């Protein structure tokens, strides 16, 4: 089982088996969206905010 540290609240975040680089996961402690940026070593970063599409 791989774990990484949430950059927002420093909680331990578990990367489930089958997790891929680029996948978005949610921190179980603070609820922030995290992007998996590395599996070896396990590392996550704050996910980029999605731009709102107002039907343009």
PDB file of N, CA and C in Angstrom:
ATOM      1  N   UNK A   1       0.854  -1.187   0.000  1.00  0.00           N
ATOM      2  CA  UNK A   1       0.000   0.000   0.000  1.00  0.00           C
ATOM      3  C   UNK A   1       0.895   1.243   0.000  1.00  0.00           C
ATOM      4  N   UNK A   2       0.665   2.114  -0.970  1.00  0.00           N
ATOM      5  CA  UNK A   2       1.436   3.346  -1.071  1.00  0.00           C
ATOM      6  C   UNK A   2       0.680   4.485  -0.391  1.00  0.00           C
ATOM      7  N   UNK A   3       1.432   5.355   0.263  1.00  0.00           N
ATOM      8  CA  UNK A   3       0.827   6.538   0.862  1.00  0.00           C
ATOM      9  C   UNK A   3       1.625   7.763   0.461  1.00  0.00           C
ATOM     10  N   UNK A   4       0.929   8.885   0.380  1.00  0.00           N
ATOM     11  CA  UNK A   4       1.554  10.172   0.095  1.00  0.00           C
ATOM     12  C   UNK A   4       1.044  11.148   1.145  1.00  0.00           C
ATOM     13  N   UNK A   5       1.619  12.348   1.162  1.00  0.00           N
ATOM     14  CA  UNK A   5       1.218  13.358   2.136  1.00  0.00           C
ATOM     15  C   UNK A   5       0.444  14.464   1.431  1.00  0.00           C
ATOM     16  N   UNK A   6      -0.737  14.785   1.969  1.00  0.00           N
ATOM     17  CA  UNK A   6      -1.552  15.864   1.411  1.00  0.00           C
ATOM     18  C   UNK A   6      -0.818  17.192   1.590  1.00  0.00           C
ATOM     19  N   UNK A   7      -0.622  17.950   0.498  1.00  0.00           N
ATOM     20  CA  UNK A   7       0.078  19.235   0.618  1.00  0.00           C
ATOM     21  C   UNK A   7      -0.755  20.306   1.322  1.00  0.00           C
ATOM     22  N   UNK A   8      -2.048  20.074   1.466  1.00  0.00           N
ATOM     23  CA  UNK A   8      -2.933  21.048   2.108  1.00  0.00           C
ATOM     24  C   UNK A   8      -2.954  20.891   3.623  1.00  0.00           C
ATOM     25  N   UNK A   9      -3.150  19.647   4.102  1.00  0.00           N
ATOM     26  CA  UNK A   9      -3.312  19.441   5.548  1.00  0.00           C
ATOM     27  C   UNK A   9      -2.281  18.481   6.138  1.00  0.00           C
ATOM     28  N   UNK A  10      -1.400  17.945   5.295  1.00  0.00           N
ATOM     29  CA  UNK A  10      -0.320  17.049   5.700  1.00  0.00           C
ATOM     30  C   UNK A  10      -0.809  15.705   6.231  1.00  0.00           C
ATOM     31  N   UNK A  11      -2.050  15.343   5.902  1.00  0.00           N
ATOM     32  CA  UNK A  11      -2.565  14.026   6.282  1.00  0.00           C
ATOM     33  C   UNK A  11      -1.982  12.969   5.351  1.00  0.00           C
ATOM     34  N   UNK A  12      -1.978  11.734   5.816  1.00  0.00           N
ATOM     35  CA  UNK A  12      -1.519  10.630   4.985  1.00  0.00           C
ATOM     36  C   UNK A  12      -2.656  10.238   4.046  1.00  0.00           C
ATOM     37  N   UNK A  13      -2.355  10.186   2.744  1.00  0.00           N
ATOM     38  CA  UNK A  13      -3.342   9.834   1.731  1.00  0.00           C
ATOM     39  C   UNK A  13      -2.941   8.486   1.146  1.00  0.00           C
ATOM     40  N   UNK A  14      -3.873   7.547   1.140  1.00  0.00           N
ATOM     41  CA  UNK A  14      -3.595   6.203   0.631  1.00  0.00           C
ATOM     42  C   UNK A  14      -3.851   6.162  -0.869  1.00  0.00           C
ATOM     43  N   UNK A  15      -2.851   5.674  -1.624  1.00  0.00           N
ATOM     44  CA  UNK A  15      -3.013   5.466  -3.060  1.00  0.00           C
ATOM     45  C   UNK A  15      -3.384   4.001  -3.260  1.00  0.00           C
ATOM     46  N   UNK A  16      -4.620   3.765  -3.663  1.00  0.00           N
ATOM     47  CA  UNK A  16      -5.108   2.407  -3.858  1.00  0.00           C
ATOM     48  C   UNK A  16      -4.342   1.707  -4.978  1.00  0.00           C
ATOM     49  N   UNK A  17      -4.333   0.381  -4.958  1.00  0.00           N
ATOM     50  CA  UNK A  17      -3.734  -0.388  -6.042  1.00  0.00           C
ATOM     51  C   UNK A  17      -4.449  -0.020  -7.334  1.00  0.00           C
ATOM     52  N   UNK A  18      -3.693   0.190  -8.397  1.00  0.00           N
ATOM     53  CA  UNK A  18      -4.286   0.560  -9.673  1.00  0.00           C
ATOM     54  C   UNK A  18      -4.361   2.059  -9.899  1.00  0.00           C
ATOM     55  N   UNK A  19      -3.974   2.847  -8.900  1.00  0.00           N
ATOM     56  CA  UNK A  19      -3.952   4.298  -9.064  1.00  0.00           C
ATOM     57  C   UNK A  19      -2.912   4.652 -10.129  1.00  0.00           C
ATOM     58  N   UNK A  20      -3.247   5.612 -10.994  1.00  0.00           N
ATOM     59  CA  UNK A  20      -2.349   6.003 -12.082  1.00  0.00           C
ATOM     60  C   UNK A  20      -1.940   7.458 -11.941  1.00  0.00           C
ATOM     61  N   UNK A  21      -0.788   7.804 -12.520  1.00  0.00           N
ATOM     62  CA  UNK A  21      -0.329   9.191 -12.563  1.00  0.00           C
ATOM     63  C   UNK A  21      -1.356  10.002 -13.343  1.00  0.00           C
ATOM     64  N   UNK A  22      -1.698  11.159 -12.828  1.00  0.00           N
ATOM     65  CA  UNK A  22      -2.689  12.019 -13.466  1.00  0.00           C
ATOM     66  C   UNK A  22      -4.089  11.838 -12.897  1.00  0.00           C
ATOM     67  N   UNK A  23      -4.282  10.791 -12.104  1.00  0.00           N
ATOM     68  CA  UNK A  23      -5.598  10.535 -11.511  1.00  0.00           C
ATOM     69  C   UNK A  23      -5.881  11.564 -10.414  1.00  0.00           C
ATOM     70  N   UNK A  24      -7.148  11.953 -10.292  1.00  0.00           N
ATOM     71  CA  UNK A  24      -7.560  12.884  -9.243  1.00  0.00           C
ATOM     72  C   UNK A  24      -8.167  12.073  -8.099  1.00  0.00           C
ATOM     73  N   UNK A  25      -7.650  12.307  -6.898  1.00  0.00           N
ATOM     74  CA  UNK A  25      -8.183  11.645  -5.706  1.00  0.00           C
ATOM     75  C   UNK A  25      -8.571  12.728  -4.711  1.00  0.00           C
ATOM     76  N   UNK A  26      -9.263  12.353  -3.654  1.00  0.00           N
ATOM     77  CA  UNK A  26      -9.718  13.315  -2.649  1.00  0.00           C
ATOM     78  C   UNK A  26      -9.074  12.978  -1.311  1.00  0.00           C
ATOM     79  N   UNK A  27      -8.551  13.991  -0.645  1.00  0.00           N
ATOM     80  CA  UNK A  27      -7.989  13.794   0.694  1.00  0.00           C
ATOM     81  C   UNK A  27      -9.131  13.470   1.654  1.00  0.00           C
ATOM     82  N   UNK A  28      -9.007  12.361   2.380  1.00  0.00           N
ATOM     83  CA  UNK A  28     -10.040  11.955   3.316  1.00  0.00           C
ATOM     84  C   UNK A  28     -10.163  12.871   4.522  1.00  0.00           C
ATOM     85  N   UNK A  29      -9.116  13.643   4.819  1.00  0.00           N
ATOM     86  CA  UNK A  29      -9.156  14.522   5.993  1.00  0.00           C
ATOM     87  C   UNK A  29      -9.733  15.898   5.663  1.00  0.00           C
ATOM     88  N   UNK A  30      -9.190  16.562   4.634  1.00  0.00           N
ATOM     89  CA  UNK A  30      -9.621  17.941   4.367  1.00  0.00           C
ATOM     90  C   UNK A  30     -10.522  18.062   3.142  1.00  0.00           C
ATOM     91  N   UNK A  31     -10.634  17.001   2.323  1.00  0.00           N
ATOM     92  CA  UNK A  31     -11.567  17.002   1.206  1.00  0.00           C
ATOM     93  C   UNK A  31     -11.081  17.691  -0.056  1.00  0.00           C
ATOM     94  N   UNK A  32      -9.824  18.131  -0.080  1.00  0.00           N
ATOM     95  CA  UNK A  32      -9.301  18.818  -1.255  1.00  0.00           C
ATOM     96  C   UNK A  32      -9.019  17.800  -2.369  1.00  0.00           C
ATOM     97  N   UNK A  33      -9.169  18.232  -3.630  1.00  0.00           N
ATOM     98  CA  UNK A  33      -8.849  17.377  -4.774  1.00  0.00           C
ATOM     99  C   UNK A  33      -7.340  17.359  -4.976  1.00  0.00           C
ATOM    100  N   UNK A  34      -6.785  16.158  -5.145  1.00  0.00           N
ATOM    101  CA  UNK A  34      -5.348  15.990  -5.330  1.00  0.00           C
ATOM    102  C   UNK A  34      -5.079  15.251  -6.625  1.00  0.00           C
ATOM    103  N   UNK A  35      -4.020  15.648  -7.314  1.00  0.00           N
ATOM    104  CA  UNK A  35      -3.603  14.957  -8.526  1.00  0.00           C
ATOM    105  C   UNK A  35      -2.381  14.103  -8.207  1.00  0.00           C
ATOM    106  N   UNK A  36      -2.424  12.847  -8.613  1.00  0.00           N
ATOM    107  CA  UNK A  36      -1.280  11.957  -8.422  1.00  0.00           C
ATOM    108  C   UNK A  36      -0.227  12.357  -9.446  1.00  0.00           C
ATOM    109  N   UNK A  37       0.940  12.814  -8.966  1.00  0.00           N
ATOM    110  CA  UNK A  37       1.988  13.260  -9.893  1.00  0.00           C
ATOM    111  C   UNK A  37       3.150  12.279  -9.985  1.00  0.00           C
ATOM    112  N   UNK A  38       3.210  11.316  -9.054  1.00  0.00           N
ATOM    113  CA  UNK A  38       4.269  10.319  -9.095  1.00  0.00           C
ATOM    114  C   UNK A  38       3.832   9.103  -8.293  1.00  0.00           C
ATOM    115  N   UNK A  39       4.219   7.922  -8.770  1.00  0.00           N
ATOM    116  CA  UNK A  39       3.935   6.696  -8.024  1.00  0.00           C
ATOM    117  C   UNK A  39       5.180   6.142  -7.352  1.00  0.00           C
ATOM    118  N   UNK A  40       6.354   6.521  -7.828  1.00  0.00           N
ATOM    119  CA  UNK A  40       7.603   6.016  -7.269  1.00  0.00           C
ATOM    120  C   UNK A  40       8.623   7.145  -7.200  1.00  0.00           C
ATOM    121  N   UNK A  41       8.682   7.910  -6.118  1.00  0.00           N
ATOM    122  CA  UNK A  41       7.936   7.727  -4.865  1.00  0.00           C
ATOM    123  C   UNK A  41       6.512   8.269  -4.981  1.00  0.00           C
ATOM    124  N   UNK A  42       5.597   7.765  -4.144  1.00  0.00           N
ATOM    125  CA  UNK A  42       4.221   8.264  -4.175  1.00  0.00           C
ATOM    126  C   UNK A  42       4.178   9.747  -3.832  1.00  0.00           C
ATOM    127  N   UNK A  43       3.570  10.545  -4.712  1.00  0.00           N
ATOM    128  CA  UNK A  43       3.508  11.987  -4.472  1.00  0.00           C
ATOM    129  C   UNK A  43       2.239  12.548  -5.096  1.00  0.00           C
ATOM    130  N   UNK A  44       1.595  13.468  -4.369  1.00  0.00           N
ATOM    131  CA  UNK A  44       0.393  14.130  -4.862  1.00  0.00           C
ATOM    132  C   UNK A  44       0.580  15.640  -4.756  1.00  0.00           C
ATOM    133  N   UNK A  45      -0.200  16.373  -5.567  1.00  0.00           N
ATOM    134  CA  UNK A  45      -0.180  17.832  -5.532  1.00  0.00           C
ATOM    135  C   UNK A  45      -1.615  18.311  -5.616  1.00  0.00           C
ATOM    136  N   UNK A  46      -1.846  19.558  -5.251  1.00  0.00           N
ATOM    137  CA  UNK A  46      -3.184  20.117  -5.380  1.00  0.00           C
ATOM    138  C   UNK A  46      -3.608  20.037  -6.838  1.00  0.00           C
ATOM    139  N   UNK A  47      -4.797  19.526  -7.090  1.00  0.00           N
ATOM    140  CA  UNK A  47      -5.293  19.393  -8.455  1.00  0.00           C
ATOM    141  C   UNK A  47      -5.561  20.780  -9.035  1.00  0.00           C
ATOM    142  N   UNK A  48      -5.275  20.961 -10.321  1.00  0.00           N
ATOM    143  CA  UNK A  48      -5.579  22.261 -10.933  1.00  0.00           C
ATOM    144  C   UNK A  48      -7.084  22.507 -10.921  1.00  0.00           C
ATOM    145  N   UNK A  49      -7.458  23.732 -10.678  1.00  0.00           N
ATOM    146  CA  UNK A  49      -8.881  24.076 -10.662  1.00  0.00           C
ATOM    147  C   UNK A  49      -9.422  23.993 -12.084  1.00  0.00           C
ATOM    148  N   UNK A  50     -10.599  23.381 -12.219  1.00  0.00           N
ATOM    149  CA  UNK A  50     -11.201  23.287 -13.541  1.00  0.00           C
ATOM    150  C   UNK A  50     -11.850  24.620 -13.881  1.00  0.00           C
ATOM    151  N   UNK A  51     -11.659  25.033 -15.128  1.00  0.00           N
ATOM    152  CA  UNK A  51     -12.282  26.268 -15.595  1.00  0.00           C
ATOM    153  C   UNK A  51     -13.769  26.024 -15.780  1.00  0.00           C
ATOM    154  N   UNK A  52     -14.577  26.980 -15.363  1.00  0.00           N
ATOM    155  CA  UNK A  52     -16.013  26.858 -15.562  1.00  0.00           C
ATOM    156  C   UNK A  52     -16.334  27.119 -17.030  1.00  0.00           C
ATOM    157  N   UNK A  53     -17.170  26.286 -17.592  1.00  0.00           N
ATOM    158  CA  UNK A  53     -17.614  26.472 -18.977  1.00  0.00           C
ATOM    159  C   UNK A  53     -19.049  26.942 -18.918  1.00  0.00           C
ATOM    160  N   UNK A  54     -19.254  28.198 -19.226  1.00  0.00           N
ATOM    161  CA  UNK A  54     -20.585  28.792 -19.137  1.00  0.00           C
ATOM    162  C   UNK A  54     -21.331  28.679 -20.455  1.00  0.00           C
ATOM    163  N   UNK A  55     -21.060  27.611 -21.228  1.00  0.00           N
ATOM    164  CA  UNK A  55     -21.782  27.389 -22.473  1.00  0.00           C
ATOM    165  C   UNK A  55     -21.275  28.243 -23.613  1.00  0.00           C
ATOM    166  N   UNK A  56     -20.051  28.717 -23.488  1.00  0.00           N
ATOM    167  CA  UNK A  56     -19.496  29.577 -24.543  1.00  0.00           C
ATOM    168  C   UNK A  56     -18.995  28.744 -25.693  1.00  0.00           C
TER     169      UNK A  56
END
